[in-house]
């Protein structure tokens, strides 16, 4: 039985620049539908940035109707404040997708790099080159955050987690929290 094509939204969260990408999976064919970056540094306060992430991602979801969202999880670096801001951006992106009825999948940066390049320690440039090759597209280097979002979507596809596999969907925030107790603090 031929499975119908479906779309995956990939997100590389950020509060100054957020990468997004929509890929379509049609059997073994992968196609980049849209990708880009949301420039958020122009907004003066953090609340406005979060509001824009929420609204603009919902608009992308309404436009392309993906069935799932694959998002990169923030990792701990040297700056705790940056980690907290990234976590908020990720949370708002997840809330926007859950509100729109998407399945949510989170992947660590190393998992995404491993899925796309074969090495969890790949450089941004290696990920960029492999994404171009896999999707047979040319990406402007100023869109490296979009490349990371494309890689997140590809990672999700390569994990074999798609709507036809019977994966659980989260229809609201309460069901997401209930099914992800490790996320609560």
Protein backbone atom coordinates (compact mmCIF):
# COMPACT_ATOMS: atom_id res chain seq x y z
CA UNK A 1 0.00 0.00 0.00
CA UNK A 2 1.40 3.40 -1.01
CA UNK A 3 1.60 5.84 1.88
CA UNK A 4 0.51 9.38 1.18
CA UNK A 5 3.07 12.21 1.27
CA UNK A 6 3.43 14.12 4.52
CA UNK A 7 5.40 17.11 5.77
CA UNK A 8 7.74 17.62 8.71
CA UNK A 9 8.52 20.99 10.26
CA UNK A 10 12.09 21.31 11.53
CA UNK A 11 13.04 24.02 14.02
CA UNK A 12 16.40 25.25 15.27
CA UNK A 13 15.29 27.42 18.21
CA UNK A 14 16.82 30.78 18.99
CA UNK A 15 15.75 34.11 20.39
CA UNK A 16 17.73 36.24 17.95
CA UNK A 17 17.63 33.95 14.92
CA UNK A 18 15.33 30.94 14.66
CA UNK A 19 15.73 28.50 11.79
CA UNK A 20 12.72 26.73 10.32
CA UNK A 21 12.25 24.25 7.51
CA UNK A 22 9.46 22.20 5.98
CA UNK A 23 10.29 19.00 4.13
CA UNK A 24 7.93 16.69 2.29
CA UNK A 25 8.33 12.93 2.46
CA UNK A 26 6.82 11.01 -0.44
CA UNK A 27 7.89 7.40 -0.18
CA UNK A 28 11.67 7.52 -0.50
CA UNK A 29 11.63 10.99 -2.05
CA UNK A 30 12.54 13.95 0.17
CA UNK A 31 11.92 17.52 -0.89
CA UNK A 32 12.55 20.85 0.81
CA UNK A 33 9.29 22.80 0.61
CA UNK A 34 10.41 25.94 2.43
CA UNK A 35 13.17 27.02 4.78
CA UNK A 36 14.43 30.23 6.25
CA UNK A 37 15.13 32.17 9.39
CA UNK A 38 13.08 34.38 11.66
CA UNK A 39 15.16 37.47 12.53
CA UNK A 40 14.15 38.33 16.07
CA UNK A 41 17.04 40.56 17.21
CA UNK A 42 15.11 43.59 15.94
CA UNK A 43 12.62 43.20 18.81
CA UNK A 44 13.67 45.02 21.98
CA UNK A 45 12.24 42.73 24.64
CA UNK A 46 12.26 38.99 25.20
CA UNK A 47 8.45 38.72 25.50
CA UNK A 48 7.96 40.19 22.03
CA UNK A 49 10.51 37.77 20.59
CA UNK A 50 8.66 34.81 22.14
CA UNK A 51 5.32 36.11 20.88
CA UNK A 52 6.74 36.43 17.35
CA UNK A 53 8.12 32.88 17.47
CA UNK A 54 4.68 31.60 18.45
CA UNK A 55 2.76 33.60 15.85
CA UNK A 56 5.17 33.09 12.95
CA UNK A 57 5.51 29.35 13.52
CA UNK A 58 1.73 29.02 13.63
CA UNK A 59 1.57 30.87 10.30
CA UNK A 60 4.13 28.47 8.80
CA UNK A 61 2.12 25.51 10.13
CA UNK A 62 -1.12 26.92 8.67
CA UNK A 63 0.57 27.46 5.31
CA UNK A 64 2.24 24.06 4.89
CA UNK A 65 0.21 21.75 7.17
CA UNK A 66 3.02 19.54 8.49
CA UNK A 67 2.00 16.55 10.63
CA UNK A 68 4.94 16.74 13.00
CA UNK A 69 7.62 19.04 14.30
CA UNK A 70 11.21 18.03 14.93
CA UNK A 71 13.03 20.47 17.17
CA UNK A 72 16.61 20.66 18.36
CA UNK A 73 16.95 20.55 22.13
CA UNK A 74 19.04 23.27 23.75
CA UNK A 75 22.37 22.12 25.12
CA UNK A 76 24.26 23.47 28.07
CA UNK A 77 27.09 25.74 27.08
CA UNK A 78 29.09 28.25 29.08
CA UNK A 79 26.31 30.82 29.44
CA UNK A 80 23.37 29.77 31.62
CA UNK A 81 21.32 32.81 30.53
CA UNK A 82 21.63 31.79 26.88
CA UNK A 83 20.49 28.27 27.76
CA UNK A 84 17.43 29.61 29.57
CA UNK A 85 16.51 31.86 26.64
CA UNK A 86 16.92 28.99 24.18
CA UNK A 87 14.74 26.81 26.40
CA UNK A 88 12.02 29.45 26.35
CA UNK A 89 12.21 29.71 22.57
CA UNK A 90 11.97 25.93 22.31
CA UNK A 91 9.01 25.86 24.71
CA UNK A 92 7.12 28.52 22.77
CA UNK A 93 7.80 26.68 19.48
CA UNK A 94 6.51 23.44 21.03
CA UNK A 95 3.42 25.22 22.38
CA UNK A 96 2.68 26.69 18.93
CA UNK A 97 2.98 23.27 17.31
CA UNK A 98 0.92 21.47 19.97
CA UNK A 99 -1.79 24.11 19.66
CA UNK A 100 -1.91 23.34 15.93
CA UNK A 101 -2.16 19.58 16.58
CA UNK A 102 1.33 18.51 15.49
CA UNK A 103 3.30 15.59 16.88
CA UNK A 104 6.40 16.87 18.67
CA UNK A 105 9.82 15.21 18.56
CA UNK A 106 12.95 16.54 20.21
CA UNK A 107 16.48 15.61 19.20
CA UNK A 108 19.83 16.51 20.74
CA UNK A 109 22.27 18.33 18.43
CA UNK A 110 24.61 15.31 18.36
CA UNK A 111 21.72 13.01 17.38
CA UNK A 112 20.79 15.32 14.50
CA UNK A 113 24.39 15.54 13.28
CA UNK A 114 24.76 11.76 13.53
CA UNK A 115 21.55 11.14 11.57
CA UNK A 116 22.50 13.52 8.77
CA UNK A 117 26.28 13.15 8.49
CA UNK A 118 27.12 9.89 10.24
CA UNK A 119 29.11 11.76 12.92
CA UNK A 120 27.71 13.31 16.08
CA UNK A 121 30.69 15.66 16.13
CA UNK A 122 30.23 17.03 12.60
CA UNK A 123 30.84 20.74 12.06
CA UNK A 124 28.12 23.16 10.99
CA UNK A 125 29.75 23.23 7.55
CA UNK A 126 29.62 19.43 7.26
CA UNK A 127 25.94 19.42 8.18
CA UNK A 128 25.33 22.21 5.66
CA UNK A 129 27.08 20.28 2.86
CA UNK A 130 25.26 17.03 3.61
CA UNK A 131 21.83 18.70 3.79
CA UNK A 132 22.46 20.28 0.38
CA UNK A 133 23.46 16.90 -1.02
CA UNK A 134 20.59 14.93 0.51
CA UNK A 135 17.90 17.40 -0.57
CA UNK A 136 19.60 18.37 -3.85
CA UNK A 137 19.30 22.08 -3.11
CA UNK A 138 21.59 25.07 -2.81
CA UNK A 139 21.46 26.96 0.48
CA UNK A 140 22.73 30.49 0.98
CA UNK A 141 25.38 30.38 3.74
CA UNK A 142 23.59 33.11 5.69
CA UNK A 143 20.86 30.51 6.31
CA UNK A 144 22.95 28.17 8.48
CA UNK A 145 20.17 28.21 11.11
CA UNK A 146 17.75 27.08 8.39
CA UNK A 147 20.21 24.32 7.52
CA UNK A 148 20.06 23.14 11.13
CA UNK A 149 16.26 23.13 10.93
CA UNK A 150 16.41 21.08 7.70
CA UNK A 151 18.78 18.69 9.47
CA UNK A 152 16.34 18.37 12.39
CA UNK A 153 13.52 17.48 9.99
CA UNK A 154 15.74 14.97 8.18
CA UNK A 155 16.80 13.44 11.49
CA UNK A 156 13.17 12.87 12.39
CA UNK A 157 12.50 11.25 9.03
CA UNK A 158 15.51 8.96 9.41
CA UNK A 159 14.31 7.85 12.85
CA UNK A 160 11.32 6.26 11.12
CA UNK A 161 8.86 8.14 13.30
CA UNK A 162 6.08 9.20 11.01
CA UNK A 163 2.30 9.32 11.24
CA UNK A 164 1.92 6.02 9.39
CA UNK A 165 3.92 4.21 12.09
CA UNK A 166 1.24 4.83 14.71
CA UNK A 167 3.25 7.26 16.81
CA UNK A 168 1.34 8.92 19.63
CA UNK A 169 0.05 12.45 18.98
CA UNK A 170 -0.28 15.10 21.66
CA UNK A 171 -3.46 17.09 21.19
CA UNK A 172 -2.83 19.52 24.01
CA UNK A 173 -0.23 20.67 26.49
CA UNK A 174 -1.61 18.54 29.34
CA UNK A 175 -1.26 15.30 27.36
CA UNK A 176 2.29 16.26 26.31
CA UNK A 177 3.31 16.88 29.94
CA UNK A 178 1.58 13.67 31.09
CA UNK A 179 3.47 11.60 28.50
CA UNK A 180 6.80 13.34 29.15
CA UNK A 181 7.20 13.37 32.96
CA UNK A 182 10.98 13.68 32.62
CA UNK A 183 10.41 17.21 31.23
CA UNK A 184 8.75 18.45 34.42
CA UNK A 185 10.86 20.09 37.13
